[in-house]
PDB file of all heavy atoms in Angstrom:
ATOM      1  N   SER A   1     -10.395  83.977 -91.652  1.00  0.00           N
ATOM      2  CA  SER A   1     -11.580  83.961 -92.535  1.00  0.00           C
ATOM      3  C   SER A   1     -11.881  85.387 -92.980  1.00  0.00           C
ATOM      4  O   SER A   1     -11.891  86.295 -92.170  1.00  0.00           O
ATOM      5  CB  SER A   1     -12.771  83.349 -91.833  1.00  0.00           C
ATOM      6  OG  SER A   1     -13.891  83.296 -92.663  1.00  0.00           O
ATOM      7  N   GLU A   2     -12.109  85.550 -94.288  1.00  0.00           N
ATOM      8  CA  GLU A   2     -12.459  86.831 -94.845  1.00  0.00           C
ATOM      9  C   GLU A   2     -13.697  86.711 -95.711  1.00  0.00           C
ATOM     10  O   GLU A   2     -13.928  85.675 -96.342  1.00  0.00           O
ATOM     11  CB  GLU A   2     -11.318  87.434 -95.661  1.00  0.00           C
ATOM     12  CG  GLU A   2     -10.074  87.744 -94.860  1.00  0.00           C
ATOM     13  CD  GLU A   2      -8.977  88.346 -95.709  1.00  0.00           C
ATOM     14  OE1 GLU A   2      -9.168  88.387 -96.949  1.00  0.00           O
ATOM     15  OE2 GLU A   2      -7.946  88.755 -95.156  1.00  0.00           O
ATOM     16  N   SER A   3     -14.475  87.760 -95.751  1.00  0.00           N
ATOM     17  CA  SER A   3     -15.704  87.759 -96.574  1.00  0.00           C
ATOM     18  C   SER A   3     -15.587  88.816 -97.660  1.00  0.00           C
ATOM     19  O   SER A   3     -15.113  89.922 -97.421  1.00  0.00           O
ATOM     20  CB  SER A   3     -16.926  88.063 -95.674  1.00  0.00           C
ATOM     21  OG  SER A   3     -18.098  88.047 -96.457  1.00  0.00           O
ATOM     22  N   SER A   4     -16.003  88.462 -98.860  1.00  0.00           N
ATOM     23  CA  SER A   4     -15.971  89.395 -99.985  1.00  0.00           C
ATOM     24  C   SER A   4     -17.250  89.252-100.806  1.00  0.00           C
ATOM     25  O   SER A   4     -17.865  88.187-100.858  1.00  0.00           O
ATOM     26  CB  SER A   4     -14.756  89.136-100.882  1.00  0.00           C
ATOM     27  OG  SER A   4     -14.804  87.833-101.437  1.00  0.00           O
ATOM     28  N   ASP A   5     -17.655  90.337-101.435  1.00  0.00           N
ATOM     29  CA  ASP A   5     -18.851  90.324-102.282  1.00  0.00           C
ATOM     30  C   ASP A   5     -18.485  89.848-103.694  1.00  0.00           C
ATOM     31  O   ASP A   5     -17.550  90.368-104.305  1.00  0.00           O
ATOM     32  CB  ASP A   5     -19.470  91.731-102.364  1.00  0.00           C
ATOM     33  CG  ASP A   5     -20.113  92.131-101.069  1.00  0.00           C
ATOM     34  OD1 ASP A   5     -20.434  91.227-100.243  1.00  0.00           O
ATOM     35  OD2 ASP A   5     -20.315  93.340-100.822  1.00  0.00           O
ATOM     36  N   GLU A   6     -19.214  88.869-104.194  1.00  0.00           N
ATOM     37  CA  GLU A   6     -18.970  88.321-105.531  1.00  0.00           C
ATOM     38  C   GLU A   6     -20.290  88.129-106.270  1.00  0.00           C
ATOM     39  O   GLU A   6     -21.311  87.841-105.655  1.00  0.00           O
ATOM     40  CB  GLU A   6     -18.247  86.981-105.424  1.00  0.00           C
ATOM     41  CG  GLU A   6     -16.866  87.059-104.785  1.00  0.00           C
ATOM     42  CD  GLU A   6     -16.177  85.711-104.715  1.00  0.00           C
ATOM     43  OE1 GLU A   6     -16.719  84.729-105.302  1.00  0.00           O
ATOM     44  OE2 GLU A   6     -15.110  85.626-104.081  1.00  0.00           O
ATOM     45  N   TRP A   7     -20.241  88.291-107.600  1.00  0.00           N
ATOM     46  CA  TRP A   7     -21.423  88.047-108.428  1.00  0.00           C
ATOM     47  C   TRP A   7     -21.650  86.540-108.487  1.00  0.00           C
ATOM     48  O   TRP A   7     -20.730  85.782-108.822  1.00  0.00           O
ATOM     49  CB  TRP A   7     -21.225  88.628-109.793  1.00  0.00           C
ATOM     50  CG  TRP A   7     -21.319  90.119-109.869  1.00  0.00           C
ATOM     51  CD1 TRP A   7     -20.295  91.005-109.951  1.00  0.00           C
ATOM     52  CD2 TRP A   7     -22.525  90.913-109.837  1.00  0.00           C
ATOM     53  NE1 TRP A   7     -20.768  92.297-109.964  1.00  0.00           N
ATOM     54  CE2 TRP A   7     -22.117  92.268-109.910  1.00  0.00           C
ATOM     55  CE3 TRP A   7     -23.858  90.593-109.751  1.00  0.00           C
ATOM     56  CZ2 TRP A   7     -23.023  93.323-109.902  1.00  0.00           C
ATOM     57  CZ3 TRP A   7     -24.784  91.639-109.731  1.00  0.00           C
ATOM     58  CH2 TRP A   7     -24.388  92.976-109.825  1.00  0.00           C
ATOM     59  N   ARG A   8     -22.881  86.129-108.214  1.00  0.00           N
ATOM     60  CA  ARG A   8     -23.225  84.712-108.232  1.00  0.00           C
ATOM     61  C   ARG A   8     -24.483  84.475-109.038  1.00  0.00           C
ATOM     62  O   ARG A   8     -25.432  85.279-108.972  1.00  0.00           O
ATOM     63  CB  ARG A   8     -23.451  84.197-106.801  1.00  0.00           C
ATOM     64  CG  ARG A   8     -22.195  84.195-105.950  1.00  0.00           C
ATOM     65  CD  ARG A   8     -21.269  83.080-106.360  1.00  0.00           C
ATOM     66  NE  ARG A   8     -20.064  83.041-105.545  1.00  0.00           N
ATOM     67  CZ  ARG A   8     -19.161  82.072-105.617  1.00  0.00           C
ATOM     68  NH1 ARG A   8     -19.334  81.088-106.460  1.00  0.00           N
ATOM     69  NH2 ARG A   8     -18.066  82.095-104.867  1.00  0.00           N
ATOM     70  N   PRO A   9     -24.541  83.368-109.821  1.00  0.00           N
ATOM     71  CA  PRO A   9     -25.796  83.045-110.519  1.00  0.00           C
ATOM     72  C   PRO A   9     -26.862  82.620-109.534  1.00  0.00           C
ATOM     73  O   PRO A   9     -26.612  81.793-108.653  1.00  0.00           O
ATOM     74  CB  PRO A   9     -25.381  81.903-111.467  1.00  0.00           C
ATOM     75  CG  PRO A   9     -24.171  81.305-110.828  1.00  0.00           C
ATOM     76  CD  PRO A   9     -23.457  82.411-110.137  1.00  0.00           C
ATOM     77  N   ILE A  10     -28.051  83.191-109.662  1.00  0.00           N
ATOM     78  CA  ILE A  10     -29.132  82.931-108.712  1.00  0.00           C
ATOM     79  C   ILE A  10     -30.198  82.017-109.312  1.00  0.00           C
ATOM     80  O   ILE A  10     -30.694  81.110-108.654  1.00  0.00           O
ATOM     81  CB  ILE A  10     -29.792  84.260-108.260  1.00  0.00           C
ATOM     82  CG1 ILE A  10     -28.733  85.207-107.684  1.00  0.00           C
ATOM     83  CG2 ILE A  10     -30.894  83.988-107.243  1.00  0.00           C
ATOM     84  CD1 ILE A  10     -27.967  84.633-106.505  1.00  0.00           C
ATOM     85  N   ALA A  11     -30.536  82.257-110.587  1.00  0.00           N
ATOM     86  CA  ALA A  11     -31.596  81.471-111.206  1.00  0.00           C
ATOM     87  C   ALA A  11     -31.530  81.596-112.725  1.00  0.00           C
ATOM     88  O   ALA A  11     -30.929  82.529-113.267  1.00  0.00           O
ATOM     89  CB  ALA A  11     -32.961  81.920-110.700  1.00  0.00           C
ATOM     90  N   GLU A  12     -32.175  80.649-113.414  1.00  0.00           N
ATOM     91  CA  GLU A  12     -32.331  80.667-114.854  1.00  0.00           C
ATOM     92  C   GLU A  12     -33.808  80.855-115.161  1.00  0.00           C
ATOM     93  O   GLU A  12     -34.656  80.258-114.477  1.00  0.00           O
ATOM     94  CB  GLU A  12     -31.841  79.360-115.467  1.00  0.00           C
ATOM     95  CG  GLU A  12     -30.411  78.977-115.152  1.00  0.00           C
ATOM     96  CD  GLU A  12     -29.420  79.663-116.044  1.00  0.00           C
ATOM     97  OE1 GLU A  12     -29.827  80.142-117.119  1.00  0.00           O
ATOM     98  OE2 GLU A  12     -28.226  79.745-115.673  1.00  0.00           O
ATOM     99  N   GLY A  13     -34.127  81.655-116.183  1.00  0.00           N
ATOM    100  CA  GLY A  13     -35.530  81.853-116.471  1.00  0.00           C
ATOM    101  C   GLY A  13     -35.790  82.766-117.638  1.00  0.00           C
ATOM    102  O   GLY A  13     -34.962  82.892-118.558  1.00  0.00           O
ATOM    103  N   VAL A  14     -36.956  83.395-117.616  1.00  0.00           N
ATOM    104  CA  VAL A  14     -37.424  84.260-118.709  1.00  0.00           C
ATOM    105  C   VAL A  14     -37.572  85.684-118.181  1.00  0.00           C
ATOM    106  O   VAL A  14     -38.093  85.901-117.078  1.00  0.00           O
ATOM    107  CB  VAL A  14     -38.783  83.764-119.261  1.00  0.00           C
ATOM    108  CG1 VAL A  14     -39.221  84.615-120.447  1.00  0.00           C
ATOM    109  CG2 VAL A  14     -38.694  82.288-119.660  1.00  0.00           C
ATOM    110  N   LEU A  15     -37.099  86.635-118.981  1.00  0.00           N
ATOM    111  CA  LEU A  15     -37.224  88.055-118.643  1.00  0.00           C
ATOM    112  C   LEU A  15     -38.318  88.694-119.473  1.00  0.00           C
ATOM    113  O   LEU A  15     -38.367  88.527-120.690  1.00  0.00           O
ATOM    114  CB  LEU A  15     -35.903  88.777-118.903  1.00  0.00           C
ATOM    115  CG  LEU A  15     -35.852  90.259-118.527  1.00  0.00           C
ATOM    116  CD1 LEU A  15     -35.827  90.427-117.006  1.00  0.00           C
ATOM    117  CD2 LEU A  15     -34.671  90.967-119.161  1.00  0.00           C
ATOM    118  N   TYR A  16     -39.230  89.424-118.810  1.00  0.00           N
ATOM    119  CA  TYR A  16     -40.298  90.128-119.475  1.00  0.00           C
ATOM    120  C   TYR A  16     -40.194  91.619-119.118  1.00  0.00           C
ATOM    121  O   TYR A  16     -39.932  91.960-117.975  1.00  0.00           O
ATOM    122  CB  TYR A  16     -41.677  89.641-119.009  1.00  0.00           C
ATOM    123  CG  TYR A  16     -41.945  88.157-119.198  1.00  0.00           C
ATOM    124  CD1 TYR A  16     -41.592  87.256-118.206  1.00  0.00           C
ATOM    125  CD2 TYR A  16     -42.561  87.684-120.348  1.00  0.00           C
ATOM    126  CE1 TYR A  16     -41.832  85.904-118.342  1.00  0.00           C
ATOM    127  CE2 TYR A  16     -42.827  86.326-120.480  1.00  0.00           C
ATOM    128  CZ  TYR A  16     -42.449  85.451-119.492  1.00  0.00           C
ATOM    129  OH  TYR A  16     -42.719  84.090-119.639  1.00  0.00           O
ATOM    130  N   ILE A  17     -40.403  92.468-120.118  1.00  0.00           N
ATOM    131  CA  ILE A  17     -40.474  93.904-119.861  1.00  0.00           C
ATOM    132  C   ILE A  17     -41.815  94.410-120.364  1.00  0.00           C
ATOM    133  O   ILE A  17     -42.143  94.243-121.552  1.00  0.00           O
ATOM    134  CB  ILE A  17     -39.323  94.675-120.534  1.00  0.00           C
ATOM    135  CG1 ILE A  17     -37.977  94.140-120.074  1.00  0.00           C
ATOM    136  CG2 ILE A  17     -39.428  96.169-120.219  1.00  0.00           C
ATOM    137  CD1 ILE A  17     -36.789  94.806-120.761  1.00  0.00           C
ATOM    138  N   THR A  18     -42.569  95.000-119.476  1.00  0.00           N
ATOM    139  CA  THR A  18     -43.858  95.553-119.865  1.00  0.00           C
ATOM    140  C   THR A  18     -43.779  97.094-119.739  1.00  0.00           C
ATOM    141  O   THR A  18     -42.750  97.647-119.406  1.00  0.00           O
ATOM    142  CB  THR A  18     -45.009  95.036-118.967  1.00  0.00           C
ATOM    143  OG1 THR A  18     -44.922  95.656-117.661  1.00  0.00           O
ATOM    144  CG2 THR A  18     -44.904  93.516-118.813  1.00  0.00           C
ATOM    145  N   ASN A  19     -44.916  97.744-120.015  1.00  0.00           N
ATOM    146  CA  ASN A  19     -44.941  99.195-119.865  1.00  0.00           C
ATOM    147  C   ASN A  19     -45.116  99.617-118.401  1.00  0.00           C
ATOM    148  O   ASN A  19     -45.244 100.796-118.096  1.00  0.00           O
ATOM    149  CB  ASN A  19     -46.072  99.788-120.707  1.00  0.00           C
ATOM    150  CG  ASN A  19     -47.432  99.223-120.342  1.00  0.00           C
ATOM    151  OD1 ASN A  19     -47.523  98.122-119.794  1.00  0.00           O
ATOM    152  ND2 ASN A  19     -48.485  99.960-120.666  1.00  0.00           N
ATOM    153  N   LYS A  20     -45.053  98.617-117.488  1.00  0.00           N
ATOM    154  CA  LYS A  20     -45.185  98.911-116.064  1.00  0.00           C
ATOM    155  C   LYS A  20     -44.033  98.336-115.213  1.00  0.00           C
ATOM    156  O   LYS A  20     -43.545  98.959-114.299  1.00  0.00           O
ATOM    157  CB  LYS A  20     -46.497  98.318-115.508  1.00  0.00           C
ATOM    158  CG  LYS A  20     -47.759  98.848-116.203  1.00  0.00           C
ATOM    159  CD  LYS A  20     -48.035 100.302-115.852  1.00  0.00           C
ATOM    160  CE  LYS A  20     -49.352 100.757-116.497  1.00  0.00           C
ATOM    161  NZ  LYS A  20     -49.628 102.171-116.206  1.00  0.00           N
ATOM    162  N   LYS A  21     -43.610  97.113-115.587  1.00  0.00           N
ATOM    163  CA  LYS A  21     -42.654  96.413-114.737  1.00  0.00           C
ATOM    164  C   LYS A  21     -41.652  95.593-115.555  1.00  0.00           C
ATOM    165  O   LYS A  21     -41.854  95.328-116.747  1.00  0.00           O
ATOM    166  CB  LYS A  21     -43.394  95.443-113.789  1.00  0.00           C
ATOM    167  CG  LYS A  21     -44.354  96.105-112.811  1.00  0.00           C
ATOM    168  CD  LYS A  21     -45.015  95.033-111.935  1.00  0.00           C
ATOM    169  CE  LYS A  21     -45.944  95.665-110.895  1.00  0.00           C
ATOM    170  NZ  LYS A  21     -47.174  96.209-111.513  1.00  0.00           N
ATOM    171  N   VAL A  22     -40.578  95.189-114.853  1.00  0.00           N
ATOM    172  CA  VAL A  22     -39.659  94.181-115.364  1.00  0.00           C
ATOM    173  C   VAL A  22     -39.882  92.916-114.521  1.00  0.00           C
ATOM    174  O   VAL A  22     -39.767  92.946-113.302  1.00  0.00           O
ATOM    175  CB  VAL A  22     -38.206  94.639-115.245  1.00  0.00           C
ATOM    176  CG1 VAL A  22     -37.245  93.523-115.645  1.00  0.00           C
ATOM    177  CG2 VAL A  22     -37.954  95.890-116.092  1.00  0.00           C
ATOM    178  N   TYR A  23     -40.219  91.835-115.211  1.00  0.00           N
ATOM    179  CA  TYR A  23     -40.472  90.567-114.544  1.00  0.00           C
ATOM    180  C   TYR A  23     -39.348  89.582-114.880  1.00  0.00           C
ATOM    181  O   TYR A  23     -38.893  89.509-116.022  1.00  0.00           O
ATOM    182  CB  TYR A  23     -41.797  89.931-114.985  1.00  0.00           C
ATOM    183  CG  TYR A  23     -43.039  90.738-114.665  1.00  0.00           C
ATOM    184  CD1 TYR A  23     -43.515  91.680-115.568  1.00  0.00           C
ATOM    185  CD2 TYR A  23     -43.763  90.506-113.484  1.00  0.00           C
ATOM    186  CE1 TYR A  23     -44.676  92.405-115.310  1.00  0.00           C
ATOM    187  CE2 TYR A  23     -44.918  91.217-113.213  1.00  0.00           C
ATOM    188  CZ  TYR A  23     -45.368  92.161-114.124  1.00  0.00           C
ATOM    189  OH  TYR A  23     -46.529  92.877-113.865  1.00  0.00           O
ATOM    190  N   PHE A  24     -38.980  88.787-113.886  1.00  0.00           N
ATOM    191  CA  PHE A  24     -38.077  87.635-114.130  1.00  0.00           C
ATOM    192  C   PHE A  24     -38.734  86.413-113.546  1.00  0.00           C
ATOM    193  O   PHE A  24     -38.964  86.326-112.320  1.00  0.00           O
ATOM    194  CB  PHE A  24     -36.701  87.868-113.513  1.00  0.00           C
ATOM    195  CG  PHE A  24     -35.767  86.674-113.678  1.00  0.00           C
ATOM    196  CD1 PHE A  24     -35.210  86.388-114.906  1.00  0.00           C
ATOM    197  CD2 PHE A  24     -35.496  85.841-112.607  1.00  0.00           C
ATOM    198  CE1 PHE A  24     -34.376  85.283-115.077  1.00  0.00           C
ATOM    199  CE2 PHE A  24     -34.663  84.746-112.747  1.00  0.00           C
ATOM    200  CZ  PHE A  24     -34.104  84.466-113.998  1.00  0.00           C
ATOM    201  N   ASP A  25     -39.073  85.466-114.396  1.00  0.00           N
ATOM    202  CA  ASP A  25     -39.702  84.206-113.993  1.00  0.00           C
ATOM    203  C   ASP A  25     -38.623  83.135-113.992  1.00  0.00           C
ATOM    204  O   ASP A  25     -38.302  82.556-115.031  1.00  0.00           O
ATOM    205  CB  ASP A  25     -40.836  83.860-114.947  1.00  0.00           C
ATOM    206  CG  ASP A  25     -41.578  82.599-114.528  1.00  0.00           C
ATOM    207  OD1 ASP A  25     -41.429  82.183-113.356  1.00  0.00           O
ATOM    208  OD2 ASP A  25     -42.325  82.026-115.355  1.00  0.00           O
ATOM    209  N   GLY A  26     -38.035  82.864-112.812  1.00  0.00           N
ATOM    210  CA  GLY A  26     -36.923  81.947-112.718  1.00  0.00           C
ATOM    211  C   GLY A  26     -37.256  80.592-112.188  1.00  0.00           C
ATOM    212  O   GLY A  26     -38.327  80.381-111.605  1.00  0.00           O
ATOM    213  N   ASP A  27     -36.349  79.638-112.383  1.00  0.00           N
ATOM    214  CA  ASP A  27     -36.562  78.280-111.893  1.00  0.00           C
ATOM    215  C   ASP A  27     -36.405  78.167-110.390  1.00  0.00           C
ATOM    216  O   ASP A  27     -36.958  77.263-109.771  1.00  0.00           O
ATOM    217  CB  ASP A  27     -35.615  77.304-112.616  1.00  0.00           C
ATOM    218  CG  ASP A  27     -34.145  77.702-112.441  1.00  0.00           C
ATOM    219  OD1 ASP A  27     -33.877  78.802-111.919  1.00  0.00           O
ATOM    220  OD2 ASP A  27     -33.263  76.897-112.856  1.00  0.00           O
ATOM    221  N   LYS A  28     -35.655  79.098-109.787  1.00  0.00           N
ATOM    222  CA  LYS A  28     -35.427  79.073-108.339  1.00  0.00           C
ATOM    223  C   LYS A  28     -35.974  80.304-107.641  1.00  0.00           C
ATOM    224  O   LYS A  28     -36.463  80.204-106.512  1.00  0.00           O
ATOM    225  CB  LYS A  28     -33.945  78.901-108.034  1.00  0.00           C
ATOM    226  CG  LYS A  28     -33.332  77.610-108.561  1.00  0.00           C
ATOM    227  CD  LYS A  28     -31.865  77.542-108.289  1.00  0.00           C
ATOM    228  CE  LYS A  28     -31.261  76.242-108.817  1.00  0.00           C
ATOM    229  NZ  LYS A  28     -29.790  76.172-108.621  1.00  0.00           N
ATOM    230  N   GLN A  29     -35.851  81.468-108.276  1.00  0.00           N
ATOM    231  CA  GLN A  29     -36.334  82.698-107.696  1.00  0.00           C
ATOM    232  C   GLN A  29     -36.921  83.582-108.776  1.00  0.00           C
ATOM    233  O   GLN A  29     -36.543  83.494-109.959  1.00  0.00           O
ATOM    234  CB  GLN A  29     -35.212  83.443-106.971  1.00  0.00           C
ATOM    235  CG  GLN A  29     -34.635  82.719-105.770  1.00  0.00           C
ATOM    236  CD  GLN A  29     -33.686  83.616-104.976  1.00  0.00           C
ATOM    237  OE1 GLN A  29     -33.783  84.840-104.956  1.00  0.00           O
ATOM    238  NE2 GLN A  29     -32.735  82.972-104.294  1.00  0.00           N
TER     239      GLN A  29
END
């Protein structure tokens, strides 16, 4: 058994950028 790092989809949602923060409002996270 071997372990490797892979890019995985975590959630679908809306991205907001304000003058303070970056927000991601996702369906799961």
